[in-house]
Protein backbone atom coordinates (compact mmCIF):
# COMPACT_ATOMS: atom_id res chain seq x y z
CA MET A 1 98.53 131.57 -28.31
CA LEU A 2 100.07 130.99 -24.90
CA LYS A 3 100.15 127.43 -24.17
CA ASN A 4 101.42 126.45 -20.41
CA ARG A 5 102.39 128.16 -16.92
CA TYR A 6 105.63 128.63 -17.61
CA SER A 7 105.15 131.35 -21.19
CA THR A 8 102.25 132.90 -19.14
CA ASP A 9 104.61 133.23 -16.48
CA LEU A 10 107.42 134.06 -18.30
CA ALA A 11 105.58 136.70 -20.11
CA LEU A 12 104.30 138.58 -17.31
CA LEU A 13 108.24 138.58 -15.48
CA LEU A 14 109.16 140.15 -19.37
CA VAL A 15 106.39 143.28 -18.61
CA ALA A 16 107.54 143.27 -15.15
CA PHE A 17 111.07 143.43 -16.24
CA ILE A 18 109.95 146.02 -18.58
CA TRP A 19 108.32 148.20 -16.18
CA GLY A 20 111.46 147.99 -13.76
CA SER A 21 113.26 149.17 -16.99
CA THR A 22 111.46 152.08 -17.37
CA TYR A 23 113.16 154.49 -14.47
CA LEU A 24 116.20 153.95 -15.79
CA SER A 25 115.14 154.56 -18.98
CA ALA A 26 112.63 158.21 -18.33
CA LYS A 27 115.79 159.48 -15.97
CA THR A 28 117.95 159.13 -19.38
CA ALA A 29 115.42 160.86 -21.35
CA LEU A 30 114.53 163.52 -19.13
CA MET A 31 118.08 164.74 -19.43
CA ALA A 32 116.55 165.75 -23.19
CA PHE A 33 113.46 166.47 -22.42
CA PRO A 34 111.02 168.90 -20.02
CA ILE A 35 108.66 166.53 -17.72
CA ALA A 36 105.52 167.10 -19.52
CA LEU A 37 107.20 167.28 -22.75
CA LEU A 38 108.45 163.61 -22.07
CA LEU A 39 105.00 162.28 -20.93
CA MET A 40 103.18 163.88 -23.79
CA LEU A 41 105.16 162.37 -26.41
CA ARG A 42 105.36 158.52 -24.53
CA PHE A 43 102.04 158.48 -24.34
CA GLY A 44 101.50 160.30 -27.67
CA ILE A 45 102.90 157.63 -29.51
CA ALA A 46 101.92 154.97 -27.41
CA SER A 47 98.45 156.38 -28.21
CA LEU A 48 98.94 156.17 -32.00
CA THR A 49 100.86 152.24 -32.03
CA LEU A 50 97.48 150.83 -30.38
CA LEU A 51 94.66 152.58 -32.00
CA PRO A 52 94.98 151.13 -35.34
CA ILE A 53 94.78 147.72 -33.60
CA LEU A 54 91.61 148.73 -31.45
CA VAL A 55 89.98 150.20 -34.29
CA LYS A 56 90.77 147.09 -36.56
CA LYS A 57 88.95 144.97 -33.79
CA GLY A 58 85.98 147.12 -33.49
CA VAL A 59 86.23 148.49 -30.11
CA PRO A 60 83.31 150.60 -28.69
CA THR A 61 84.49 154.15 -27.12
CA PRO A 62 84.11 154.21 -23.59
CA LYS A 63 82.25 156.70 -20.85
CA LYS A 64 83.64 158.85 -18.80
CA PRO A 65 84.86 156.75 -16.07
CA ALA A 66 88.00 156.30 -18.61
CA VAL A 67 88.98 159.80 -18.80
CA ILE A 68 88.78 160.38 -14.93
CA LEU A 69 91.23 157.09 -14.73
CA GLY A 70 93.59 158.67 -17.29
CA LEU A 71 93.32 161.91 -15.09
CA LEU A 72 94.23 160.05 -11.81
CA LEU A 73 96.82 158.14 -14.10
CA THR A 74 98.15 162.19 -15.04
CA THR A 75 98.76 162.79 -11.81
CA SER A 76 100.24 159.92 -10.72
CA LEU A 77 103.09 160.47 -13.76
CA LEU A 78 103.21 164.07 -13.61
CA LEU A 79 104.43 163.15 -9.48
CA GLU A 80 106.56 160.11 -10.30
CA THR A 81 108.37 161.73 -13.06
CA THR A 82 109.30 165.32 -11.07
CA GLY A 83 110.25 162.98 -8.37
CA LEU A 84 112.56 160.78 -10.71
CA ALA A 85 114.18 163.92 -11.78
CA LEU A 86 115.03 164.54 -8.23
CA THR A 87 115.73 161.11 -6.99
CA SER A 88 117.89 158.00 -8.57
CA PRO A 89 115.91 155.25 -10.37
CA ALA A 90 116.65 152.28 -8.15
CA ASN A 91 115.01 154.65 -5.06
CA ALA A 92 111.78 155.51 -7.68
CA GLY A 93 111.63 151.81 -8.85
CA ILE A 94 111.37 150.90 -5.23
CA LEU A 95 109.53 153.31 -3.48
CA ILE A 96 106.74 153.46 -5.87
CA ALA A 97 105.81 149.65 -4.53
CA THR A 98 104.31 151.31 -1.39
CA SER A 99 101.03 152.16 -3.33
CA ILE A 100 100.21 148.54 -3.27
CA VAL A 101 100.82 148.57 0.51
CA MET A 102 98.98 152.04 0.29
CA ILE A 103 95.83 150.01 -1.00
CA PRO A 104 94.31 148.08 1.80
CA LEU A 105 95.06 151.16 4.03
CA LEU A 106 92.81 153.57 1.73
CA GLU A 107 90.09 150.54 1.55
CA ARG A 108 90.10 150.12 5.81
CA LEU A 109 89.43 153.84 5.49
CA SER A 110 86.19 153.28 4.04
CA ASP A 111 84.90 150.13 4.90
CA PRO A 112 87.21 149.19 8.19
CA GLN A 113 85.33 145.22 7.74
CA SER A 114 86.90 144.56 4.19
CA ILE A 115 90.94 144.65 5.38
CA PRO A 116 92.17 143.33 8.07
CA LEU A 117 93.59 144.95 10.70
CA SER A 118 97.34 143.44 10.32
CA ALA A 119 97.26 145.43 7.13
CA ILE A 120 98.93 147.90 9.46
CA ILE A 121 101.72 145.69 9.94
CA PRO A 122 102.92 146.19 6.52
CA ALA A 123 102.15 149.69 6.36
CA THR A 124 104.58 150.00 9.12
CA MET A 125 107.50 148.07 7.55
CA SER A 126 107.03 150.24 4.42
CA LEU A 127 107.29 153.56 6.30
CA LEU A 128 109.87 152.26 8.31
CA GLY A 129 111.75 151.01 4.70
CA CYS A 130 110.70 154.68 3.23
CA GLY A 131 112.57 155.75 6.15
CA LEU A 132 116.02 154.20 5.89
CA MET A 133 115.93 154.72 2.21
CA SER A 134 115.09 158.27 1.93
CA LEU A 135 116.48 160.49 4.87
CA THR A 136 119.56 161.61 4.78
CA GLU A 137 122.18 161.68 7.20
CA ASP A 138 121.10 165.20 8.78
CA LEU A 139 117.42 163.34 8.78
CA ASN A 140 116.22 165.47 6.01
CA PHE A 141 113.57 164.10 3.30
CA ASN A 142 114.80 163.59 0.03
CA LYS A 143 112.14 165.68 -1.80
CA GLY A 144 112.62 163.54 -4.99
CA ASP A 145 111.39 160.77 -2.97
CA ALA A 146 108.43 162.36 -1.07
CA LEU A 147 107.24 163.15 -4.93
CA ILE A 148 107.47 159.52 -5.40
CA LEU A 149 105.79 158.47 -2.31
CA ALA A 150 102.46 161.30 -3.26
CA ALA A 151 102.82 159.75 -6.59
CA ALA A 152 102.21 156.23 -5.05
CA VAL A 153 98.85 157.91 -3.24
CA VAL A 154 97.97 158.70 -6.53
CA ARG A 155 98.62 155.91 -8.34
CA SER A 156 96.92 153.29 -4.86
CA ILE A 157 93.80 155.44 -5.94
CA HIS A 158 93.70 155.07 -9.15
CA LEU A 159 94.15 151.04 -8.75
CA ILE A 160 91.38 150.57 -6.03
CA ALA A 161 89.21 153.24 -8.70
CA SER A 162 90.43 151.03 -11.71
CA ARG A 163 89.08 148.16 -9.70
CA HIS A 164 85.89 149.31 -8.87
CA ILE A 165 84.90 150.81 -12.58
CA GLY A 166 86.04 148.01 -13.86
CA LYS A 167 82.98 146.32 -11.57
CA HIS A 168 80.34 148.46 -12.19
CA HIS A 169 81.32 149.71 -16.05
CA HIS A 170 81.13 146.66 -18.46
CA GLY A 171 83.17 147.15 -21.54
CA SER A 172 86.62 146.98 -22.88
CA ALA A 173 89.67 147.26 -21.05
CA SER A 174 91.57 147.97 -23.93
CA ALA A 175 89.74 150.71 -25.19
CA VAL A 176 89.50 152.04 -21.15
CA ASN A 177 93.44 152.18 -21.81
CA LEU A 178 93.36 153.88 -24.57
CA VAL A 179 91.29 156.55 -23.36
CA GLN A 180 93.58 156.66 -20.41
CA PHE A 181 96.51 156.91 -22.43
CA VAL A 182 94.90 159.51 -24.52
CA THR A 183 93.89 162.18 -21.52
CA VAL A 184 97.64 161.71 -19.98
CA ALA A 185 98.77 162.38 -23.63
CA ALA A 186 96.61 165.60 -23.65
CA THR A 187 96.52 166.44 -20.35
CA SER A 188 100.35 166.25 -20.43
CA ALA A 189 100.58 168.48 -23.90
CA VAL A 190 98.60 170.99 -22.11
CA VAL A 191 101.15 171.45 -19.00
CA ALA A 192 104.06 171.25 -21.41
CA ILE A 193 102.73 174.54 -23.38
CA SER A 194 102.05 176.02 -20.28
CA ARG A 195 105.35 175.77 -19.03
CA GLY A 196 106.89 176.65 -22.18
CA GLU A 197 108.18 173.12 -22.93
CA LEU A 198 106.89 172.41 -26.12
CA THR A 199 109.21 174.06 -28.93
CA SER A 200 110.75 173.21 -31.81
CA SER A 201 114.08 173.52 -30.50
CA THR A 202 113.72 171.17 -27.74
CA LEU A 203 112.43 168.77 -30.25
CA LEU A 204 115.16 169.40 -33.25
CA GLY A 205 118.02 169.56 -30.89
CA ALA A 206 117.45 165.95 -28.81
CA SER A 207 119.62 163.26 -29.95
CA LEU A 208 118.76 160.04 -31.67
CA GLU A 209 119.97 158.35 -28.99
CA ALA A 210 117.13 160.34 -26.47
CA TRP A 211 114.24 159.63 -29.07
CA ALA A 212 115.21 155.89 -29.25
CA VAL A 213 114.86 155.99 -25.27
CA VAL A 214 111.20 157.65 -25.76
CA PHE A 215 110.08 155.77 -28.27
CA TYR A 216 111.51 152.38 -26.48
CA LEU A 217 108.66 153.68 -23.56
CA ALA A 218 106.14 154.40 -25.59
CA ILE A 219 106.52 151.49 -27.72
CA VAL A 220 108.09 148.49 -25.54
CA CYS A 221 107.12 150.46 -21.63
CA THR A 222 103.38 151.37 -22.64
CA ALA A 223 102.27 149.81 -26.07
CA PHE A 224 103.96 146.22 -25.95
CA ALA A 225 103.80 146.03 -22.18
CA PHE A 226 100.09 146.32 -22.26
CA VAL A 227 99.14 144.52 -25.10
CA LEU A 228 101.08 141.38 -23.28
CA THR A 229 99.46 141.50 -20.31
CA GLN A 230 96.07 142.13 -21.96
CA ARG A 231 96.71 138.65 -23.42
CA VAL A 232 98.07 136.56 -20.34
CA VAL A 233 96.06 137.76 -17.48
CA GLU A 234 93.27 136.04 -19.09
CA GLN A 235 95.50 133.06 -18.70
CA THR A 236 96.32 133.01 -14.85
CA THR A 237 94.96 133.42 -11.50
CA ALA A 238 94.84 137.14 -10.15
CA SER A 239 97.14 136.59 -7.35
CA ARG A 240 99.77 135.01 -9.59
CA THR A 241 99.70 138.23 -12.23
CA SER A 242 99.92 140.00 -9.23
CA LEU A 243 102.93 138.24 -7.74
CA LEU A 244 104.47 138.27 -10.93
CA LEU A 245 104.11 141.67 -11.72
CA GLY A 246 105.04 142.75 -8.25
CA THR A 247 108.46 141.74 -8.76
CA GLU A 248 109.18 145.04 -10.76
CA PRO A 249 110.79 146.98 -7.78
CA VAL A 250 113.68 144.44 -7.43
CA TRP A 251 113.95 144.70 -11.64
CA ALA A 252 113.85 148.67 -11.34
CA ALA A 253 116.79 148.07 -8.47
CA ALA A 254 118.98 145.88 -10.51
CA ILE A 255 118.26 147.60 -13.88
CA ALA A 256 119.43 150.85 -12.13
CA ILE A 257 122.99 149.37 -10.69
CA THR A 258 123.88 146.94 -12.85
CA ILE A 259 123.00 149.14 -16.15
CA GLY A 260 123.09 153.00 -14.51
CA GLY A 261 125.91 152.50 -11.88
CA ALA A 262 123.69 152.75 -9.06
CA HIS A 263 125.26 152.49 -5.59
CA LEU A 264 122.54 151.79 -2.26
CA THR A 265 124.64 151.81 1.11
CA PRO A 266 123.56 149.04 3.71
CA ARG A 267 121.10 151.52 5.41
CA GLN A 268 119.12 151.45 1.90
CA TRP A 269 119.55 148.03 1.32
CA ILE A 270 117.81 147.47 4.76
CA GLY A 271 115.38 150.03 3.74
CA ALA A 272 114.46 148.75 0.22
CA LEU A 273 113.90 144.83 1.57
CA LEU A 274 111.50 146.20 4.11
CA VAL A 275 110.02 147.85 1.12
CA ILE A 276 109.67 145.05 -1.11
CA ALA A 277 108.68 142.73 1.51
CA ALA A 278 105.96 145.08 2.95
CA ALA A 279 104.79 145.49 -1.02
CA GLU A 280 104.07 142.09 -1.42
CA TRP A 281 102.50 141.30 2.40
CA GLY A 282 100.01 144.65 0.84
CA ARG A 283 99.46 142.98 -2.94
CA GLN A 284 98.82 139.65 -1.14
CA LEU A 285 95.88 141.17 0.90
CA PHE A 286 94.83 143.38 -2.44
CA THR A 287 94.38 140.13 -4.27
CA ALA A 288 93.11 138.49 -1.36
CA LYS A 289 90.07 140.93 -0.80
CA LYS A 290 90.02 141.49 -5.10
CA VAL A 291 89.73 145.28 -3.85
């Protein structure tokens, strides 16, 4: 058991670091595996890793809403991974954080009284930051960055739906997440087969390094990070969890720069800081209102 606040904080920071590392890791894996096939392998292995744990606990089978969440997660991941193939891990890790800013805006559309009008401020900061990070010298928008922003929109819808379903459908969070993982793996398999990505030459031709990255993404970044998060969120506050896990884009940029050799221009640095600051502001609105 994690017995004190400091060990809980360290555990959450570890999860944020692990999630931040997924962007560079996935970018590396995409050199050997096509997009849908990579998602199929990652979430298929993660599902097989979690299944024995849940069976041992006798977790009940969740209902239809978990599959709906899984389809939203699949859409977000397909957009995000496709965008990652066309942009840098640093840009992907930072731009995906705009999903937190979008949540209060989407909530305000459905219920104008639920979120203060001040939510427009961090949204504007985030939009400006995205422009500084993604616009080229001739004012063209990077296609990969655009796909990451589309993934952020779907991710924000997924987060809102997860909160809503959690309030109205009581059940095991572990089982719900397992169903989501299986849904991602199954849907990605269908896409991979339809695209002709699932071939023996691809699977057998990948290097040991590429397979090691896939297993890292599946077991560490998905299964382990999920189990650890489930364990510690019950021992701390929602705001503290949100704050610490919100460091993910910082870790993503740091790992991409220090390990991946990425370089940000001064303009991109300013944009990155604006996006991260806006994400934290939006996160506070999201947590305060318990969307």
